[in-house]
Amino acid sequence: MKQNQYSRRTNELARVKLANILLFEVSDPDLALVTITGVEVSVDKSYLRAYVSCDADRYEEVSAALARAKGRIRSLLGRALNWRVTPELDFRIDTTTDEAERIARALEVVPPTLGVEKDEFGYPVESEEDEQTPGDEE
């Protein structure tokens, strides 16, 4: 959705209110340790997309819990925001933290080819040991 100063402020307000509702007012144990990573509100405030982060093995459980509690959350959010229209809620699982973790783990494992000396074109430079012909072995 298009972003400007007003919409960023609206998104941040909705994110804070939604996070407080999930933390203090919804008592579903399946929604424990769930984080609201971002919120996008449409220009007319009739639609709200919330990005939720949780453990990778709990995606299905959290999605089901959010679907069950959507009506209650929408009601509480409508009262908290005090907007003319209560937005329709759409929860999406945010997997960016899992992707970042996967990339960080991949970067920790250095392939053996990175330690090989290379010329200016990126090709491996032959060392003196490699230049020996098979018949020169002692």
C-alpha atoms as a PDB file:
ATOM      1  CA  MET A   1       0.000   0.000   0.000  1.00  0.00           C
ATOM      2  CA  LYS A   2       1.116   3.539  -0.661  1.00  0.00           C
ATOM      3  CA  GLN A   3       3.093   5.137   2.149  1.00  0.00           C
ATOM      4  CA  ASN A   4       3.208   8.775   3.193  1.00  0.00           C
ATOM      5  CA  GLN A   5       3.651  10.523   6.525  1.00  0.00           C
ATOM      6  CA  TYR A   6      -0.029  10.237   7.436  1.00  0.00           C
ATOM      7  CA  SER A   7      -0.312   6.558   6.524  1.00  0.00           C
ATOM      8  CA  ARG A   8       2.906   5.693   8.398  1.00  0.00           C
ATOM      9  CA  ARG A   9       1.496   7.338  11.515  1.00  0.00           C
ATOM     10  CA  THR A  10      -1.813   5.498  11.045  1.00  0.00           C
ATOM     11  CA  ASN A  11       0.011   2.189  10.563  1.00  0.00           C
ATOM     12  CA  GLU A  12       2.117   2.711  13.678  1.00  0.00           C
ATOM     13  CA  LEU A  13      -0.924   3.641  15.792  1.00  0.00           C
ATOM     14  CA  ALA A  14      -2.794   0.551  14.594  1.00  0.00           C
ATOM     15  CA  ARG A  15       0.272  -1.655  15.238  1.00  0.00           C
ATOM     16  CA  VAL A  16       0.619  -0.419  18.830  1.00  0.00           C
ATOM     17  CA  LYS A  17      -3.106  -0.845  19.573  1.00  0.00           C
ATOM     18  CA  LEU A  18      -3.197  -4.308  17.993  1.00  0.00           C
ATOM     19  CA  ALA A  19      -0.085  -5.416  19.897  1.00  0.00           C
ATOM     20  CA  ASN A  20      -1.611  -4.223  23.188  1.00  0.00           C
ATOM     21  CA  ILE A  21      -4.825  -6.098  22.439  1.00  0.00           C
ATOM     22  CA  LEU A  22      -2.949  -9.331  21.712  1.00  0.00           C
ATOM     23  CA  LEU A  23      -0.761  -8.905  24.778  1.00  0.00           C
ATOM     24  CA  PHE A  24      -3.289  -7.831  27.404  1.00  0.00           C
ATOM     25  CA  GLU A  25      -6.841  -8.528  26.236  1.00  0.00           C
ATOM     26  CA  VAL A  26      -6.795 -11.808  24.306  1.00  0.00           C
ATOM     27  CA  SER A  27      -6.148 -14.747  26.601  1.00  0.00           C
ATOM     28  CA  ASP A  28      -5.573 -17.493  24.029  1.00  0.00           C
ATOM     29  CA  PRO A  29      -2.486 -19.539  25.000  1.00  0.00           C
ATOM     30  CA  ASP A  30      -1.845 -20.245  21.299  1.00  0.00           C
ATOM     31  CA  LEU A  31      -1.147 -16.529  20.845  1.00  0.00           C
ATOM     32  CA  ALA A  32       1.616 -16.443  23.458  1.00  0.00           C
ATOM     33  CA  LEU A  33       4.994 -15.202  22.187  1.00  0.00           C
ATOM     34  CA  VAL A  34       3.463 -13.690  19.045  1.00  0.00           C
ATOM     35  CA  THR A  35       4.877 -10.411  17.758  1.00  0.00           C
ATOM     36  CA  ILE A  36       3.217  -7.883  15.449  1.00  0.00           C
ATOM     37  CA  THR A  37       6.036  -6.940  13.067  1.00  0.00           C
ATOM     38  CA  GLY A  38       4.084  -4.572  10.853  1.00  0.00           C
ATOM     39  CA  VAL A  39       0.668  -3.240   9.970  1.00  0.00           C
ATOM     40  CA  GLU A  40      -0.649  -1.777   6.720  1.00  0.00           C
ATOM     41  CA  VAL A  41      -3.901   0.163   6.802  1.00  0.00           C
ATOM     42  CA  SER A  42      -5.751   1.098   3.627  1.00  0.00           C
ATOM     43  CA  VAL A  43      -6.274   4.779   2.841  1.00  0.00           C
ATOM     44  CA  ASP A  44      -9.974   4.639   3.739  1.00  0.00           C
ATOM     45  CA  LYS A  45      -9.147   2.630   6.914  1.00  0.00           C
ATOM     46  CA  SER A  46     -11.511  -0.172   5.944  1.00  0.00           C
ATOM     47  CA  TYR A  47      -8.817  -2.844   5.637  1.00  0.00           C
ATOM     48  CA  LEU A  48      -5.909  -3.701   7.913  1.00  0.00           C
ATOM     49  CA  ARG A  49      -3.199  -6.238   7.095  1.00  0.00           C
ATOM     50  CA  ALA A  50      -1.118  -7.299  10.108  1.00  0.00           C
ATOM     51  CA  TYR A  51       2.155  -9.205   9.836  1.00  0.00           C
ATOM     52  CA  VAL A  52       2.712 -11.613  12.722  1.00  0.00           C
ATOM     53  CA  SER A  53       5.967 -13.281  13.717  1.00  0.00           C
ATOM     54  CA  CYS A  54       6.268 -16.481  15.760  1.00  0.00           C
ATOM     55  CA  ASP A  55       8.328 -19.666  15.944  1.00  0.00           C
ATOM     56  CA  ALA A  56       8.559 -21.556  12.653  1.00  0.00           C
ATOM     57  CA  ASP A  57       6.991 -24.708  14.093  1.00  0.00           C
ATOM     58  CA  ARG A  58       3.910 -22.756  15.315  1.00  0.00           C
ATOM     59  CA  TYR A  59       2.755 -21.156  12.027  1.00  0.00           C
ATOM     60  CA  GLU A  60      -0.376 -23.322  11.634  1.00  0.00           C
ATOM     61  CA  GLU A  61      -1.287 -23.075  15.321  1.00  0.00           C
ATOM     62  CA  VAL A  62      -0.966 -19.268  15.387  1.00  0.00           C
ATOM     63  CA  SER A  63      -2.856 -18.854  12.101  1.00  0.00           C
ATOM     64  CA  ALA A  64      -5.737 -20.933  13.463  1.00  0.00           C
ATOM     65  CA  ALA A  65      -5.757 -19.008  16.762  1.00  0.00           C
ATOM     66  CA  LEU A  66      -5.819 -15.663  14.950  1.00  0.00           C
ATOM     67  CA  ALA A  67      -8.676 -16.858  12.739  1.00  0.00           C
ATOM     68  CA  ARG A  68     -10.635 -17.927  15.845  1.00  0.00           C
ATOM     69  CA  ALA A  69     -10.048 -14.621  17.639  1.00  0.00           C
ATOM     70  CA  LYS A  70     -10.430 -12.331  14.611  1.00  0.00           C
ATOM     71  CA  GLY A  71     -13.928 -11.113  15.564  1.00  0.00           C
ATOM     72  CA  ARG A  72     -12.985 -10.335  19.170  1.00  0.00           C
ATOM     73  CA  ILE A  73      -9.757  -8.626  18.085  1.00  0.00           C
ATOM     74  CA  ARG A  74     -11.637  -6.551  15.512  1.00  0.00           C
ATOM     75  CA  SER A  75     -14.190  -5.459  18.096  1.00  0.00           C
ATOM     76  CA  LEU A  76     -11.523  -4.456  20.619  1.00  0.00           C
ATOM     77  CA  LEU A  77      -9.474  -2.721  17.921  1.00  0.00           C
ATOM     78  CA  GLY A  78     -12.510  -0.725  16.775  1.00  0.00           C
ATOM     79  CA  ARG A  79     -13.017   0.600  20.300  1.00  0.00           C
ATOM     80  CA  ALA A  80      -9.300   1.275  20.833  1.00  0.00           C
ATOM     81  CA  LEU A  81      -8.774   3.147  17.572  1.00  0.00           C
ATOM     82  CA  ASN A  82     -12.048   5.094  17.713  1.00  0.00           C
ATOM     83  CA  TRP A  83     -12.137   5.431  13.933  1.00  0.00           C
ATOM     84  CA  ARG A  84     -15.371   5.937  12.037  1.00  0.00           C
ATOM     85  CA  VAL A  85     -14.895   2.540  10.347  1.00  0.00           C
ATOM     86  CA  THR A  86     -13.579  -0.595  12.016  1.00  0.00           C
ATOM     87  CA  PRO A  87     -11.134  -2.175   9.568  1.00  0.00           C
ATOM     88  CA  GLU A  88     -11.479  -5.703   8.239  1.00  0.00           C
ATOM     89  CA  LEU A  89      -8.515  -7.709   9.588  1.00  0.00           C
ATOM     90  CA  ASP A  90      -6.134  -9.857   7.573  1.00  0.00           C
ATOM     91  CA  PHE A  91      -3.345 -11.621   9.457  1.00  0.00           C
ATOM     92  CA  ARG A  92      -0.259 -12.827   7.597  1.00  0.00           C
ATOM     93  CA  ILE A  93       2.624 -14.829   9.027  1.00  0.00           C
ATOM     94  CA  ASP A  94       5.878 -12.892   8.648  1.00  0.00           C
ATOM     95  CA  THR A  95       8.706 -15.283   7.750  1.00  0.00           C
ATOM     96  CA  THR A  96      11.428 -12.677   7.220  1.00  0.00           C
ATOM     97  CA  THR A  97      13.097 -13.436  10.548  1.00  0.00           C
ATOM     98  CA  ASP A  98      13.280 -17.120   9.656  1.00  0.00           C
ATOM     99  CA  GLU A  99      14.768 -16.261   6.267  1.00  0.00           C
ATOM    100  CA  ALA A 100      17.330 -13.940   7.862  1.00  0.00           C
ATOM    101  CA  GLU A 101      18.285 -16.672  10.315  1.00  0.00           C
ATOM    102  CA  ARG A 102      18.665 -19.193   7.482  1.00  0.00           C
ATOM    103  CA  ILE A 103      20.883 -16.780   5.533  1.00  0.00           C
ATOM    104  CA  ALA A 104      23.016 -16.043   8.608  1.00  0.00           C
ATOM    105  CA  ARG A 105      23.546 -19.777   9.164  1.00  0.00           C
ATOM    106  CA  ALA A 106      24.479 -20.227   5.511  1.00  0.00           C
ATOM    107  CA  LEU A 107      27.015 -17.409   5.736  1.00  0.00           C
ATOM    108  CA  GLU A 108      28.681 -19.007   8.762  1.00  0.00           C
ATOM    109  CA  VAL A 109      29.581 -22.081   6.703  1.00  0.00           C
ATOM    110  CA  VAL A 110      32.425 -20.975   4.448  1.00  0.00           C
ATOM    111  CA  PRO A 111      32.856 -23.125   1.336  1.00  0.00           C
ATOM    112  CA  PRO A 112      36.410 -24.423   0.815  1.00  0.00           C
ATOM    113  CA  THR A 113      36.624 -22.645  -2.539  1.00  0.00           C
ATOM    114  CA  LEU A 114      36.614 -19.242  -0.834  1.00  0.00           C
ATOM    115  CA  GLY A 115      40.031 -19.945   0.700  1.00  0.00           C
ATOM    116  CA  VAL A 116      41.622 -20.579  -2.713  1.00  0.00           C
ATOM    117  CA  GLU A 117      43.753 -17.750  -4.092  1.00  0.00           C
ATOM    118  CA  LYS A 118      42.202 -16.220  -7.227  1.00  0.00           C
ATOM    119  CA  ASP A 119      43.406 -13.943  -9.995  1.00  0.00           C
ATOM    120  CA  GLU A 120      41.761 -10.634 -10.978  1.00  0.00           C
ATOM    121  CA  PHE A 121      39.138 -12.489 -13.032  1.00  0.00           C
ATOM    122  CA  GLY A 122      38.120 -14.780 -10.170  1.00  0.00           C
ATOM    123  CA  TYR A 123      39.817 -17.922 -11.478  1.00  0.00           C
ATOM    124  CA  PRO A 124      41.936 -20.035  -9.112  1.00  0.00           C
ATOM    125  CA  VAL A 125      45.675 -19.373  -9.356  1.00  0.00           C
ATOM    126  CA  GLU A 126      47.710 -22.536  -9.784  1.00  0.00           C
ATOM    127  CA  SER A 127      50.244 -23.027  -7.048  1.00  0.00           C
ATOM    128  CA  GLU A 128      53.650 -24.656  -7.527  1.00  0.00           C
ATOM    129  CA  GLU A 129      52.356 -27.925  -6.085  1.00  0.00           C
ATOM    130  CA  ASP A 130      49.604 -28.083  -8.715  1.00  0.00           C
ATOM    131  CA  GLU A 131      52.065 -27.415 -11.578  1.00  0.00           C
ATOM    132  CA  GLN A 132      53.824 -30.752 -11.117  1.00  0.00           C
ATOM    133  CA  THR A 133      53.021 -33.202 -13.877  1.00  0.00           C
ATOM    134  CA  PRO A 134      51.854 -36.687 -12.917  1.00  0.00           C
ATOM    135  CA  GLY A 135      55.197 -38.216 -14.068  1.00  0.00           C
ATOM    136  CA  ASP A 136      57.262 -35.928 -11.768  1.00  0.00           C
ATOM    137  CA  GLU A 137      56.018 -37.534  -8.577  1.00  0.00           C
ATOM    138  CA  GLU A 138      58.812 -38.696  -6.281  1.00  0.00           C
END
